[in-house]
C-alpha cells in the first residue's frame, strides 16, 4: 500500500496498492530511492524450504511499484531485511530457517543469488519457543562494518563482520552477547551516536540496553527494563518493534496483546532508559510501528485490527498524543518512507 503523510496534520491518505505479492512483510528502500525490497514470509519457495525476497522499481512520478525479480533467501519464513549503505547488498533474517543470508543487488535493482548463508545452531531454555534457532532481525551499524542479528531461539545477539564489496558475512572475533534466558530477543536498534544499542525481548516483555564498541563490534550490558506495568497478566502478551527517535533522546517499543507503545527517555551519557509512559495504540497487535525521519510522528500498525494510527511526538518530552488520523490497511506489518522530510530537531 502507498500512502501520503501530511507533515502538518498527520493525515494518512491512501494512494494505491500493488497486488499479487506472496505474503509480503518487512520492507526496505534502496539508498538511491529507486528500488523497494520485501521479504516474502513463506516456508516453501520453488519447491525448497525457503522464503524469498522480491525487488521492485519505484516510479519517480507517483511511487508506484513495478516488479523486477524474486530470489530465494535460503531459509524458511524470512521476516526482516536491511540494505547496506552502498546499496549493493541485501541482508535477510530467516525466522523458521534460523539463518541469515546476504544477496547482491545489481545496478538495475534486481536481486542476485545468495552470496553468504549462515546457519545458526543451538537451543535455549523454553522447549516450545526455543528448541532451535529463530533469527528475527538483522541490522547494520553506521560504519557498514558489522551486522547484528537477534535470534529468539538462542537468546543471543550475534555479530558478523560484513564486507560490502564482497557481500559476505563472517563471524566476528567476539561472536555476540547472550541475553537473559527465556528473553527471546526480537528486534534491535542502534542509537544515532553509534555507542549504544537496544534489543526488545519478545518473550520476557523487556528491553535490554547495551553499550557498543564500534571499532570491535562488541556489546556490553547496561540495563534491562520492562515494557508493561508491574502486575499486568503477561499470558498471551509479547513485544514486537523497537525504535530510537532520530534525535537520540527517546526510545519506543511495542507490546502485542497489551496493545501499547512503551516510551522511554534515553540518558545521553549512560544510554540507560527511564520509562515515560505506556500509550495504547487504539487497535490490536502492534507488530510494527514507524517514526518518520523528521521525528514528528509515530505510526502504529495494528495488525489484527487492520489500522495504522498516527501519533504526534512531543519533541521535548517524547510523549505520544493521538492526532485523530488513521488509515484502514489490512494486517499492516511494516512502513518505510520515501520522500524529502524535515530534519529532526
C-alpha atoms as a PDB file:
ATOM      1  CA  UNK A   1       0.000   0.000   0.000  1.00  0.00           C
ATOM      2  CA  UNK A   2       1.159   3.514  -0.866  1.00  0.00           C
ATOM      3  CA  UNK A   3       0.117   6.395   1.374  1.00  0.00           C
ATOM      4  CA  UNK A   4       0.901  10.082   1.678  1.00  0.00           C
ATOM      5  CA  UNK A   5       1.639  11.518   5.124  1.00  0.00           C
ATOM      6  CA  UNK A   6       0.632  15.134   5.695  1.00  0.00           C
ATOM      7  CA  UNK A   7       3.536  16.521   7.738  1.00  0.00           C
ATOM      8  CA  UNK A   8       1.421  19.347   9.132  1.00  0.00           C
ATOM      9  CA  UNK A   9      -1.568  17.359  10.392  1.00  0.00           C
ATOM     10  CA  UNK A  10      -0.565  13.685  10.431  1.00  0.00           C
ATOM     11  CA  UNK A  11      -3.306  12.738   7.980  1.00  0.00           C
ATOM     12  CA  UNK A  12      -2.528   9.484   6.163  1.00  0.00           C
ATOM     13  CA  UNK A  13      -4.021   9.316   2.671  1.00  0.00           C
ATOM     14  CA  UNK A  14      -4.095   6.025   0.761  1.00  0.00           C
ATOM     15  CA  UNK A  15      -2.852   6.404  -2.826  1.00  0.00           C
ATOM     16  CA  UNK A  16      -2.719   2.895  -4.275  1.00  0.00           C
ATOM     17  CA  UNK A  17      -1.863  -0.761  -3.826  1.00  0.00           C
ATOM     18  CA  UNK A  18       0.421  -3.293  -5.517  1.00  0.00           C
ATOM     19  CA  UNK A  19      -1.260  -6.712  -5.637  1.00  0.00           C
ATOM     20  CA  UNK A  20      -0.355 -10.378  -6.146  1.00  0.00           C
ATOM     21  CA  UNK A  21       2.690 -10.437  -3.831  1.00  0.00           C
ATOM     22  CA  UNK A  22       3.072 -13.638  -1.814  1.00  0.00           C
ATOM     23  CA  UNK A  23       2.846 -12.744   1.906  1.00  0.00           C
ATOM     24  CA  UNK A  24       4.984  -9.576   1.893  1.00  0.00           C
ATOM     25  CA  UNK A  25       6.089  -8.471   5.343  1.00  0.00           C
ATOM     26  CA  UNK A  26       9.197  -6.381   6.056  1.00  0.00           C
ATOM     27  CA  UNK A  27      10.349  -3.794   3.532  1.00  0.00           C
ATOM     28  CA  UNK A  28      13.425  -1.722   2.782  1.00  0.00           C
ATOM     29  CA  UNK A  29      14.037   1.061   0.273  1.00  0.00           C
ATOM     30  CA  UNK A  30      17.300   1.242  -1.639  1.00  0.00           C
ATOM     31  CA  UNK A  31      19.586   4.191  -0.692  1.00  0.00           C
ATOM     32  CA  UNK A  32      19.050   5.608  -4.197  1.00  0.00           C
ATOM     33  CA  UNK A  33      15.284   5.745  -3.640  1.00  0.00           C
ATOM     34  CA  UNK A  34      14.808   3.894  -6.942  1.00  0.00           C
ATOM     35  CA  UNK A  35      14.028   0.390  -5.652  1.00  0.00           C
ATOM     36  CA  UNK A  36      12.000  -1.342  -2.934  1.00  0.00           C
ATOM     37  CA  UNK A  37      12.614  -4.807  -1.500  1.00  0.00           C
ATOM     38  CA  UNK A  38      10.292  -7.009   0.543  1.00  0.00           C
ATOM     39  CA  UNK A  39      10.704 -10.411   2.136  1.00  0.00           C
ATOM     40  CA  UNK A  40       8.091 -12.979   1.175  1.00  0.00           C
ATOM     41  CA  UNK A  41       7.449 -14.650   4.520  1.00  0.00           C
ATOM     42  CA  UNK A  42       6.743 -18.163   3.244  1.00  0.00           C
ATOM     43  CA  UNK A  43       8.170 -21.586   4.049  1.00  0.00           C
ATOM     44  CA  UNK A  44       8.166 -23.067   0.554  1.00  0.00           C
ATOM     45  CA  UNK A  45       9.627 -21.328  -2.475  1.00  0.00           C
ATOM     46  CA  UNK A  46      10.087 -23.108  -5.786  1.00  0.00           C
ATOM     47  CA  UNK A  47       9.840 -26.470  -4.048  1.00  0.00           C
ATOM     48  CA  UNK A  48      12.515 -25.788  -1.435  1.00  0.00           C
ATOM     49  CA  UNK A  49      12.306 -24.989   2.290  1.00  0.00           C
ATOM     50  CA  UNK A  50      12.931 -21.302   1.756  1.00  0.00           C
ATOM     51  CA  UNK A  51      11.283 -17.937   1.623  1.00  0.00           C
ATOM     52  CA  UNK A  52      12.025 -15.253  -0.924  1.00  0.00           C
ATOM     53  CA  UNK A  53      12.940 -11.622  -1.408  1.00  0.00           C
ATOM     54  CA  UNK A  54      11.223  -9.550  -4.105  1.00  0.00           C
ATOM     55  CA  UNK A  55      12.591  -6.472  -5.866  1.00  0.00           C
ATOM     56  CA  UNK A  56      10.544  -3.602  -7.305  1.00  0.00           C
ATOM     57  CA  UNK A  57      11.347  -0.419  -9.197  1.00  0.00           C
ATOM     58  CA  UNK A  58       9.765   2.717  -7.716  1.00  0.00           C
ATOM     59  CA  UNK A  59       8.138   5.182 -10.108  1.00  0.00           C
ATOM     60  CA  UNK A  60       9.641   8.666  -9.561  1.00  0.00           C
ATOM     61  CA  UNK A  61       6.322  10.194 -10.637  1.00  0.00           C
ATOM     62  CA  UNK A  62       3.884   8.599  -8.203  1.00  0.00           C
ATOM     63  CA  UNK A  63       5.763   6.000  -6.127  1.00  0.00           C
ATOM     64  CA  UNK A  64       4.021   3.037  -7.740  1.00  0.00           C
ATOM     65  CA  UNK A  65       5.894  -0.275  -7.898  1.00  0.00           C
ATOM     66  CA  UNK A  66       6.982  -2.396 -10.867  1.00  0.00           C
ATOM     67  CA  UNK A  67       8.070  -5.967 -10.148  1.00  0.00           C
ATOM     68  CA  UNK A  68      11.684  -6.741 -11.098  1.00  0.00           C
ATOM     69  CA  UNK A  69      12.531 -10.212  -9.821  1.00  0.00           C
ATOM     70  CA  UNK A  70      12.421 -12.637  -6.903  1.00  0.00           C
ATOM     71  CA  UNK A  71      15.113 -14.802  -5.301  1.00  0.00           C
ATOM     72  CA  UNK A  72      15.269 -17.496  -2.591  1.00  0.00           C
ATOM     73  CA  UNK A  73      16.587 -16.461   0.833  1.00  0.00           C
ATOM     74  CA  UNK A  74      17.959 -19.907   1.764  1.00  0.00           C
ATOM     75  CA  UNK A  75      15.740 -20.386   4.820  1.00  0.00           C
ATOM     76  CA  UNK A  76      12.045 -20.593   5.639  1.00  0.00           C
ATOM     77  CA  UNK A  77       9.932 -17.594   6.650  1.00  0.00           C
ATOM     78  CA  UNK A  78      12.253 -14.609   6.135  1.00  0.00           C
ATOM     79  CA  UNK A  79      10.973 -11.902   8.450  1.00  0.00           C
ATOM     80  CA  UNK A  80      13.413  -8.975   8.312  1.00  0.00           C
ATOM     81  CA  UNK A  81      15.919  -7.360   5.969  1.00  0.00           C
ATOM     82  CA  UNK A  82      18.294  -4.442   5.574  1.00  0.00           C
ATOM     83  CA  UNK A  83      20.004  -2.890   2.539  1.00  0.00           C
ATOM     84  CA  UNK A  84      23.621  -1.966   3.152  1.00  0.00           C
ATOM     85  CA  UNK A  85      24.709   1.654   2.792  1.00  0.00           C
ATOM     86  CA  UNK A  86      26.435   1.077  -0.552  1.00  0.00           C
ATOM     87  CA  UNK A  87      23.167  -0.270  -1.976  1.00  0.00           C
ATOM     88  CA  UNK A  88      24.961  -3.343  -3.313  1.00  0.00           C
ATOM     89  CA  UNK A  89      23.675  -5.966  -0.862  1.00  0.00           C
ATOM     90  CA  UNK A  90      20.516  -7.107   0.901  1.00  0.00           C
ATOM     91  CA  UNK A  91      20.846  -8.934   4.232  1.00  0.00           C
ATOM     92  CA  UNK A  92      17.955 -11.149   5.338  1.00  0.00           C
ATOM     93  CA  UNK A  93      16.955 -12.952   8.564  1.00  0.00           C
ATOM     94  CA  UNK A  94      15.118 -16.287   8.109  1.00  0.00           C
ATOM     95  CA  UNK A  95      12.914 -16.995  11.145  1.00  0.00           C
ATOM     96  CA  UNK A  96      11.960 -20.661  10.855  1.00  0.00           C
ATOM     97  CA  UNK A  97      15.128 -21.408   8.927  1.00  0.00           C
ATOM     98  CA  UNK A  98      17.212 -19.950  11.780  1.00  0.00           C
ATOM     99  CA  UNK A  99      19.694 -18.442   9.364  1.00  0.00           C
ATOM    100  CA  UNK A 100      20.888 -15.189   7.786  1.00  0.00           C
ATOM    101  CA  UNK A 101      21.802 -14.535   4.175  1.00  0.00           C
ATOM    102  CA  UNK A 102      23.399 -11.849   2.062  1.00  0.00           C
ATOM    103  CA  UNK A 103      22.315 -11.340  -1.551  1.00  0.00           C
ATOM    104  CA  UNK A 104      23.793  -8.985  -4.184  1.00  0.00           C
ATOM    105  CA  UNK A 105      21.846  -6.118  -5.756  1.00  0.00           C
ATOM    106  CA  UNK A 106      22.596  -5.285  -9.373  1.00  0.00           C
ATOM    107  CA  UNK A 107      22.772  -1.809 -10.874  1.00  0.00           C
ATOM    108  CA  UNK A 108      19.311  -2.494 -12.338  1.00  0.00           C
ATOM    109  CA  UNK A 109      17.932  -3.163  -8.850  1.00  0.00           C
ATOM    110  CA  UNK A 110      17.479  -6.887  -9.315  1.00  0.00           C
ATOM    111  CA  UNK A 111      18.401  -9.304  -6.532  1.00  0.00           C
ATOM    112  CA  UNK A 112      21.012 -11.968  -7.299  1.00  0.00           C
ATOM    113  CA  UNK A 113      21.611 -15.423  -5.870  1.00  0.00           C
ATOM    114  CA  UNK A 114      22.817 -15.834  -2.273  1.00  0.00           C
ATOM    115  CA  UNK A 115      26.406 -14.757  -1.619  1.00  0.00           C
ATOM    116  CA  UNK A 116      26.608 -15.942   2.008  1.00  0.00           C
ATOM    117  CA  UNK A 117      24.270 -18.161   4.023  1.00  0.00           C
ATOM    118  CA  UNK A 118      24.995 -18.651   7.739  1.00  0.00           C
ATOM    119  CA  UNK A 119      23.004 -21.344   9.547  1.00  0.00           C
ATOM    120  CA  UNK A 120      22.588 -20.766  13.294  1.00  0.00           C
ATOM    121  CA  UNK A 121      22.844 -23.707  15.698  1.00  0.00           C
ATOM    122  CA  UNK A 122      21.666 -24.324  19.248  1.00  0.00           C
ATOM    123  CA  UNK A 123      18.727 -24.010  21.637  1.00  0.00           C
ATOM    124  CA  UNK A 124      17.701 -22.170  24.783  1.00  0.00           C
ATOM    125  CA  UNK A 125      15.574 -22.872  27.841  1.00  0.00           C
ATOM    126  CA  UNK A 126      11.982 -22.714  26.547  1.00  0.00           C
ATOM    127  CA  UNK A 127      11.273 -26.032  24.772  1.00  0.00           C
ATOM    128  CA  UNK A 128       8.201 -24.664  22.971  1.00  0.00           C
ATOM    129  CA  UNK A 129       9.739 -21.499  21.534  1.00  0.00           C
ATOM    130  CA  UNK A 130      13.481 -22.194  21.702  1.00  0.00           C
ATOM    131  CA  UNK A 131      14.093 -25.751  20.534  1.00  0.00           C
ATOM    132  CA  UNK A 132      16.167 -24.323  17.669  1.00  0.00           C
ATOM    133  CA  UNK A 133      17.425 -21.028  16.245  1.00  0.00           C
ATOM    134  CA  UNK A 134      14.990 -18.324  15.088  1.00  0.00           C
ATOM    135  CA  UNK A 135      16.642 -15.279  13.509  1.00  0.00           C
ATOM    136  CA  UNK A 136      14.229 -12.378  13.836  1.00  0.00           C
ATOM    137  CA  UNK A 137      16.111  -9.286  12.693  1.00  0.00           C
ATOM    138  CA  UNK A 138      19.323  -8.087  11.082  1.00  0.00           C
ATOM    139  CA  UNK A 139      20.764  -4.557  11.364  1.00  0.00           C
ATOM    140  CA  UNK A 140      23.951  -2.852  10.203  1.00  0.00           C
ATOM    141  CA  UNK A 141      25.973  -0.366  12.237  1.00  0.00           C
ATOM    142  CA  UNK A 142      26.596   3.153  10.949  1.00  0.00           C
ATOM    143  CA  UNK A 143      30.046   2.221   9.591  1.00  0.00           C
ATOM    144  CA  UNK A 144      28.530  -0.593   7.481  1.00  0.00           C
ATOM    145  CA  UNK A 145      31.084  -2.963   9.041  1.00  0.00           C
ATOM    146  CA  UNK A 146      29.126  -5.130  11.475  1.00  0.00           C
ATOM    147  CA  UNK A 147      25.734  -6.859  11.185  1.00  0.00           C
ATOM    148  CA  UNK A 148      23.757  -7.537  14.363  1.00  0.00           C
ATOM    149  CA  UNK A 149      21.269 -10.423  14.379  1.00  0.00           C
ATOM    150  CA  UNK A 150      18.695 -11.025  17.119  1.00  0.00           C
ATOM    151  CA  UNK A 151      17.995 -14.764  17.487  1.00  0.00           C
ATOM    152  CA  UNK A 152      14.967 -15.553  19.665  1.00  0.00           C
ATOM    153  CA  UNK A 153      15.694 -19.287  19.751  1.00  0.00           C
ATOM    154  CA  UNK A 154      19.218 -18.844  21.094  1.00  0.00           C
ATOM    155  CA  UNK A 155      18.672 -15.852  23.435  1.00  0.00           C
ATOM    156  CA  UNK A 156      21.583 -14.134  21.714  1.00  0.00           C
ATOM    157  CA  UNK A 157      22.603 -11.111  19.725  1.00  0.00           C
ATOM    158  CA  UNK A 158      25.028 -12.447  17.123  1.00  0.00           C
ATOM    159  CA  UNK A 159      27.572 -10.146  15.462  1.00  0.00           C
ATOM    160  CA  UNK A 160      29.012 -10.652  11.982  1.00  0.00           C
ATOM    161  CA  UNK A 161      31.730  -8.792  10.110  1.00  0.00           C
ATOM    162  CA  UNK A 162      30.273  -7.500   6.866  1.00  0.00           C
ATOM    163  CA  UNK A 163      32.261  -6.890   3.685  1.00  0.00           C
ATOM    164  CA  UNK A 164      30.173  -4.667   1.415  1.00  0.00           C
ATOM    165  CA  UNK A 165      32.493  -5.088  -1.570  1.00  0.00           C
ATOM    166  CA  UNK A 166      32.329  -8.888  -1.479  1.00  0.00           C
ATOM    167  CA  UNK A 167      28.855  -9.061   0.043  1.00  0.00           C
ATOM    168  CA  UNK A 168      29.970 -11.551   2.683  1.00  0.00           C
ATOM    169  CA  UNK A 169      29.153 -12.199   6.340  1.00  0.00           C
ATOM    170  CA  UNK A 170      31.682 -13.776   8.708  1.00  0.00           C
ATOM    171  CA  UNK A 171      31.568 -14.385  12.469  1.00  0.00           C
ATOM    172  CA  UNK A 172      33.097 -11.554  14.472  1.00  0.00           C
ATOM    173  CA  UNK A 173      36.082 -12.224  16.745  1.00  0.00           C
ATOM    174  CA  UNK A 174      33.629 -11.693  19.603  1.00  0.00           C
ATOM    175  CA  UNK A 175      30.616 -13.526  18.137  1.00  0.00           C
ATOM    176  CA  UNK A 176      27.942 -11.656  20.092  1.00  0.00           C
ATOM    177  CA  UNK A 177      26.368 -11.412  23.511  1.00  0.00           C
ATOM    178  CA  UNK A 178      23.961 -13.636  25.443  1.00  0.00           C
ATOM    179  CA  UNK A 179      20.665 -12.128  26.584  1.00  0.00           C
ATOM    180  CA  UNK A 180      18.974 -13.439  29.753  1.00  0.00           C
ATOM    181  CA  UNK A 181      17.493 -16.958  29.327  1.00  0.00           C
ATOM    182  CA  UNK A 182      13.881 -17.075  28.034  1.00  0.00           C
ATOM    183  CA  UNK A 183      14.077 -13.439  26.891  1.00  0.00           C
ATOM    184  CA  UNK A 184      13.559 -14.118  23.179  1.00  0.00           C
ATOM    185  CA  UNK A 185      15.413 -11.172  21.573  1.00  0.00           C
ATOM    186  CA  UNK A 186      13.416  -9.921  18.586  1.00  0.00           C
ATOM    187  CA  UNK A 187      14.243  -6.524  17.047  1.00  0.00           C
ATOM    188  CA  UNK A 188      17.242  -4.275  17.588  1.00  0.00           C
ATOM    189  CA  UNK A 189      18.045  -0.581  17.145  1.00  0.00           C
ATOM    190  CA  UNK A 190      21.280   1.399  17.270  1.00  0.00           C
ATOM    191  CA  UNK A 191      21.429   4.814  18.921  1.00  0.00           C
ATOM    192  CA  UNK A 192      22.359   7.606  16.451  1.00  0.00           C
ATOM    193  CA  UNK A 193      25.638   8.175  18.312  1.00  0.00           C
ATOM    194  CA  UNK A 194      26.730   4.631  17.444  1.00  0.00           C
ATOM    195  CA  UNK A 195      27.740   3.795  21.036  1.00  0.00           C
ATOM    196  CA  UNK A 196      24.501   2.257  22.368  1.00  0.00           C
ATOM    197  CA  UNK A 197      22.158  -0.476  21.154  1.00  0.00           C
ATOM    198  CA  UNK A 198      18.740  -1.679  22.280  1.00  0.00           C
ATOM    199  CA  UNK A 199      17.049  -5.055  21.822  1.00  0.00           C
ATOM    200  CA  UNK A 200      13.385  -5.734  22.566  1.00  0.00           C
ATOM    201  CA  UNK A 201      12.748  -9.185  24.014  1.00  0.00           C
ATOM    202  CA  UNK A 202       9.584 -10.820  22.688  1.00  0.00           C
ATOM    203  CA  UNK A 203       9.076 -13.459  25.379  1.00  0.00           C
ATOM    204  CA  UNK A 204      10.192 -11.595  28.509  1.00  0.00           C
ATOM    205  CA  UNK A 205       8.447  -8.283  27.664  1.00  0.00           C
ATOM    206  CA  UNK A 206      11.647  -6.353  28.304  1.00  0.00           C
ATOM    207  CA  UNK A 207      14.174  -4.117  26.572  1.00  0.00           C
ATOM    208  CA  UNK A 208      17.887  -4.642  27.102  1.00  0.00           C
ATOM    209  CA  UNK A 209      20.162  -1.604  26.738  1.00  0.00           C
ATOM    210  CA  UNK A 210      23.761  -2.239  25.697  1.00  0.00           C
ATOM    211  CA  UNK A 211      26.982  -0.282  25.247  1.00  0.00           C
ATOM    212  CA  UNK A 212      28.599  -0.803  21.832  1.00  0.00           C
ATOM    213  CA  UNK A 213      32.224  -0.646  20.763  1.00  0.00           C
ATOM    214  CA  UNK A 214      32.006   0.313  17.054  1.00  0.00           C
ATOM    215  CA  UNK A 215      35.663  -0.477  16.370  1.00  0.00           C
ATOM    216  CA  UNK A 216      35.418  -4.096  17.552  1.00  0.00           C
ATOM    217  CA  UNK A 217      31.690  -4.823  17.145  1.00  0.00           C
ATOM    218  CA  UNK A 218      31.384  -5.758  20.829  1.00  0.00           C
ATOM    219  CA  UNK A 219      28.444  -5.241  23.213  1.00  0.00           C
ATOM    220  CA  UNK A 220      28.294  -4.998  26.996  1.00  0.00           C
ATOM    221  CA  UNK A 221      25.231  -4.966  29.237  1.00  0.00           C
ATOM    222  CA  UNK A 222      23.815  -1.762  30.660  1.00  0.00           C
ATOM    223  CA  UNK A 223      20.251  -2.442  31.811  1.00  0.00           C
ATOM    224  CA  UNK A 224      17.075  -4.480  31.294  1.00  0.00           C
ATOM    225  CA  UNK A 225      13.707  -2.764  31.765  1.00  0.00           C
ATOM    226  CA  UNK A 226      10.084  -3.933  31.464  1.00  0.00           C
ATOM    227  CA  UNK A 227       7.763  -2.847  28.636  1.00  0.00           C
ATOM    228  CA  UNK A 228       4.499  -3.368  30.579  1.00  0.00           C
ATOM    229  CA  UNK A 229       3.454  -2.202  34.059  1.00  0.00           C
ATOM    230  CA  UNK A 230       4.045  -4.313  37.147  1.00  0.00           C
ATOM    231  CA  UNK A 231       1.118  -6.590  37.940  1.00  0.00           C
ATOM    232  CA  UNK A 232      -0.081  -6.999  34.351  1.00  0.00           C
ATOM    233  CA  UNK A 233      -1.106 -10.556  33.434  1.00  0.00           C
ATOM    234  CA  UNK A 234       1.533 -11.433  30.850  1.00  0.00           C
ATOM    235  CA  UNK A 235      -0.129 -14.536  29.472  1.00  0.00           C
ATOM    236  CA  UNK A 236      -0.518 -14.217  25.715  1.00  0.00           C
ATOM    237  CA  UNK A 237       1.495 -10.984  25.535  1.00  0.00           C
ATOM    238  CA  UNK A 238       4.644 -10.353  23.515  1.00  0.00           C
ATOM    239  CA  UNK A 239       6.733  -7.436  22.340  1.00  0.00           C
ATOM    240  CA  UNK A 240       7.438  -6.546  18.708  1.00  0.00           C
ATOM    241  CA  UNK A 241       9.143  -3.416  17.343  1.00  0.00           C
ATOM    242  CA  UNK A 242      11.746  -1.031  18.791  1.00  0.00           C
ATOM    243  CA  UNK A 243      12.804   2.406  17.507  1.00  0.00           C
ATOM    244  CA  UNK A 244      15.123   5.179  18.671  1.00  0.00           C
ATOM    245  CA  UNK A 245      13.870   8.714  17.994  1.00  0.00           C
ATOM    246  CA  UNK A 246      16.022  10.473  15.346  1.00  0.00           C
ATOM    247  CA  UNK A 247      17.248  12.945  17.992  1.00  0.00           C
ATOM    248  CA  UNK A 248      18.506  10.074  20.155  1.00  0.00           C
ATOM    249  CA  UNK A 249      16.526  11.400  23.127  1.00  0.00           C
ATOM    250  CA  UNK A 250      13.780   8.755  23.297  1.00  0.00           C
ATOM    251  CA  UNK A 251      13.152   5.044  22.728  1.00  0.00           C
ATOM    252  CA  UNK A 252       9.875   3.345  21.785  1.00  0.00           C
ATOM    253  CA  UNK A 253       8.824  -0.319  21.973  1.00  0.00           C
ATOM    254  CA  UNK A 254       5.535  -2.047  21.124  1.00  0.00           C
ATOM    255  CA  UNK A 255       3.532  -4.594  23.123  1.00  0.00           C
ATOM    256  CA  UNK A 256       1.248  -7.063  21.373  1.00  0.00           C
ATOM    257  CA  UNK A 257      -1.769  -8.187  23.413  1.00  0.00           C
ATOM    258  CA  UNK A 258      -1.279  -5.261  25.764  1.00  0.00           C
ATOM    259  CA  UNK A 259      -1.630  -3.197  22.555  1.00  0.00           C
ATOM    260  CA  UNK A 260       0.576  -0.326  23.579  1.00  0.00           C
ATOM    261  CA  UNK A 261       3.762   1.622  22.934  1.00  0.00           C
ATOM    262  CA  UNK A 262       6.211   1.961  25.827  1.00  0.00           C
ATOM    263  CA  UNK A 263       8.086   5.284  25.773  1.00  0.00           C
ATOM    264  CA  UNK A 264      11.469   5.832  27.440  1.00  0.00           C
ATOM    265  CA  UNK A 265      13.889   8.689  27.918  1.00  0.00           C
ATOM    266  CA  UNK A 266      17.487   7.832  26.965  1.00  0.00           C
ATOM    267  CA  UNK A 267      20.095   9.223  29.326  1.00  0.00           C
ATOM    268  CA  UNK A 268      22.606  10.853  26.945  1.00  0.00           C
ATOM    269  CA  UNK A 269      25.766   9.961  28.850  1.00  0.00           C
ATOM    270  CA  UNK A 270      24.967   6.434  30.014  1.00  0.00           C
ATOM    271  CA  UNK A 271      22.466   5.205  27.417  1.00  0.00           C
ATOM    272  CA  UNK A 272      20.216   3.913  30.204  1.00  0.00           C
ATOM    273  CA  UNK A 273      16.430   4.124  29.984  1.00  0.00           C
ATOM    274  CA  UNK A 274      13.745   5.733  32.145  1.00  0.00           C
ATOM    275  CA  UNK A 275      10.095   4.893  31.465  1.00  0.00           C
ATOM    276  CA  UNK A 276       7.988   7.917  30.493  1.00  0.00           C
ATOM    277  CA  UNK A 277       4.621   6.406  29.603  1.00  0.00           C
ATOM    278  CA  UNK A 278       2.834   3.401  28.088  1.00  0.00           C
ATOM    279  CA  UNK A 279       0.394   4.613  25.417  1.00  0.00           C
ATOM    280  CA  UNK A 280      -2.448   2.456  23.945  1.00  0.00           C
ATOM    281  CA  UNK A 281      -2.231   2.065  20.156  1.00  0.00           C
ATOM    282  CA  UNK A 282      -6.038   2.287  19.672  1.00  0.00           C
ATOM    283  CA  UNK A 283      -6.043  -1.119  17.976  1.00  0.00           C
ATOM    284  CA  UNK A 284      -4.899  -4.705  18.308  1.00  0.00           C
ATOM    285  CA  UNK A 285      -1.448  -6.287  17.863  1.00  0.00           C
ATOM    286  CA  UNK A 286       1.054  -3.517  17.056  1.00  0.00           C
ATOM    287  CA  UNK A 287       3.519  -5.848  15.311  1.00  0.00           C
ATOM    288  CA  UNK A 288       5.319  -2.825  13.939  1.00  0.00           C
ATOM    289  CA  UNK A 289       5.416   0.951  14.159  1.00  0.00           C
ATOM    290  CA  UNK A 290       7.396   3.630  12.380  1.00  0.00           C
ATOM    291  CA  UNK A 291       8.809   7.036  13.316  1.00  0.00           C
ATOM    292  CA  UNK A 292       9.072   9.383  10.352  1.00  0.00           C
ATOM    293  CA  UNK A 293      12.607  10.671   9.639  1.00  0.00           C
ATOM    294  CA  UNK A 294      11.786  14.141  10.989  1.00  0.00           C
ATOM    295  CA  UNK A 295      10.779  12.617  14.336  1.00  0.00           C
ATOM    296  CA  UNK A 296       7.374  14.327  14.231  1.00  0.00           C
ATOM    297  CA  UNK A 297       5.015  11.348  14.018  1.00  0.00           C
ATOM    298  CA  UNK A 298       4.824   7.750  15.193  1.00  0.00           C
ATOM    299  CA  UNK A 299       2.649   5.474  13.036  1.00  0.00           C
ATOM    300  CA  UNK A 300       1.375   2.448  14.983  1.00  0.00           C
ATOM    301  CA  UNK A 301       0.485  -0.572  12.839  1.00  0.00           C
ATOM    302  CA  UNK A 302      -2.277  -2.620  14.460  1.00  0.00           C
ATOM    303  CA  UNK A 303      -2.023  -5.905  12.583  1.00  0.00           C
ATOM    304  CA  UNK A 304      -5.084  -7.676  13.995  1.00  0.00           C
ATOM    305  CA  UNK A 305      -7.463  -4.710  13.766  1.00  0.00           C
ATOM    306  CA  UNK A 306      -6.181  -3.554  10.369  1.00  0.00           C
ATOM    307  CA  UNK A 307      -5.391   0.074  11.179  1.00  0.00           C
ATOM    308  CA  UNK A 308      -2.454   2.468  11.149  1.00  0.00           C
ATOM    309  CA  UNK A 309      -2.937   5.114  13.864  1.00  0.00           C
ATOM    310  CA  UNK A 310      -0.897   8.330  13.720  1.00  0.00           C
ATOM    311  CA  UNK A 311       0.504   9.869  16.933  1.00  0.00           C
ATOM    312  CA  UNK A 312       2.349  13.168  17.291  1.00  0.00           C
ATOM    313  CA  UNK A 313       5.601  13.048  19.278  1.00  0.00           C
ATOM    314  CA  UNK A 314       6.279  15.823  21.777  1.00  0.00           C
ATOM    315  CA  UNK A 315       9.812  16.897  20.884  1.00  0.00           C
ATOM    316  CA  UNK A 316      10.628  17.964  24.442  1.00  0.00           C
ATOM    317  CA  UNK A 317       9.216  15.005  26.377  1.00  0.00           C
ATOM    318  CA  UNK A 318       8.790  12.160  23.868  1.00  0.00           C
ATOM    319  CA  UNK A 319       5.156  11.740  24.916  1.00  0.00           C
ATOM    320  CA  UNK A 320       2.694  10.488  22.291  1.00  0.00           C
ATOM    321  CA  UNK A 321      -0.651  12.169  21.540  1.00  0.00           C
ATOM    322  CA  UNK A 322      -3.203  10.899  19.053  1.00  0.00           C
ATOM    323  CA  UNK A 323      -3.688  13.114  16.007  1.00  0.00           C
ATOM    324  CA  UNK A 324      -7.147  11.697  15.287  1.00  0.00           C
ATOM    325  CA  UNK A 325      -5.883  10.392  11.950  1.00  0.00           C
ATOM    326  CA  UNK A 326      -5.694   6.745  10.935  1.00  0.00           C
ATOM    327  CA  UNK A 327      -5.903   4.569   7.835  1.00  0.00           C
ATOM    328  CA  UNK A 328      -7.502   1.182   7.311  1.00  0.00           C
ATOM    329  CA  UNK A 329      -4.852  -1.197   5.934  1.00  0.00           C
ATOM    330  CA  UNK A 330      -5.393  -4.975   6.192  1.00  0.00           C
ATOM    331  CA  UNK A 331      -2.857  -6.613   8.539  1.00  0.00           C
ATOM    332  CA  UNK A 332      -0.178  -3.875   8.371  1.00  0.00           C
ATOM    333  CA  UNK A 333       3.324  -5.175   9.106  1.00  0.00           C
ATOM    334  CA  UNK A 334       5.948  -2.631   8.008  1.00  0.00           C
ATOM    335  CA  UNK A 335       6.250   1.028   6.949  1.00  0.00           C
ATOM    336  CA  UNK A 336       9.123   2.712   5.152  1.00  0.00           C
ATOM    337  CA  UNK A 337       9.202   6.287   3.843  1.00  0.00           C
ATOM    338  CA  UNK A 338      10.241   7.755   0.530  1.00  0.00           C
ATOM    339  CA  UNK A 339      10.465  11.499   0.032  1.00  0.00           C
ATOM    340  CA  UNK A 340      12.035  14.608   1.481  1.00  0.00           C
ATOM    341  CA  UNK A 341      11.058  15.292   5.097  1.00  0.00           C
ATOM    342  CA  UNK A 342      12.240  17.851   7.599  1.00  0.00           C
ATOM    343  CA  UNK A 343      15.417  17.279   9.599  1.00  0.00           C
ATOM    344  CA  UNK A 344      14.914  16.186  13.245  1.00  0.00           C
ATOM    345  CA  UNK A 345      15.199  18.959  15.784  1.00  0.00           C
END
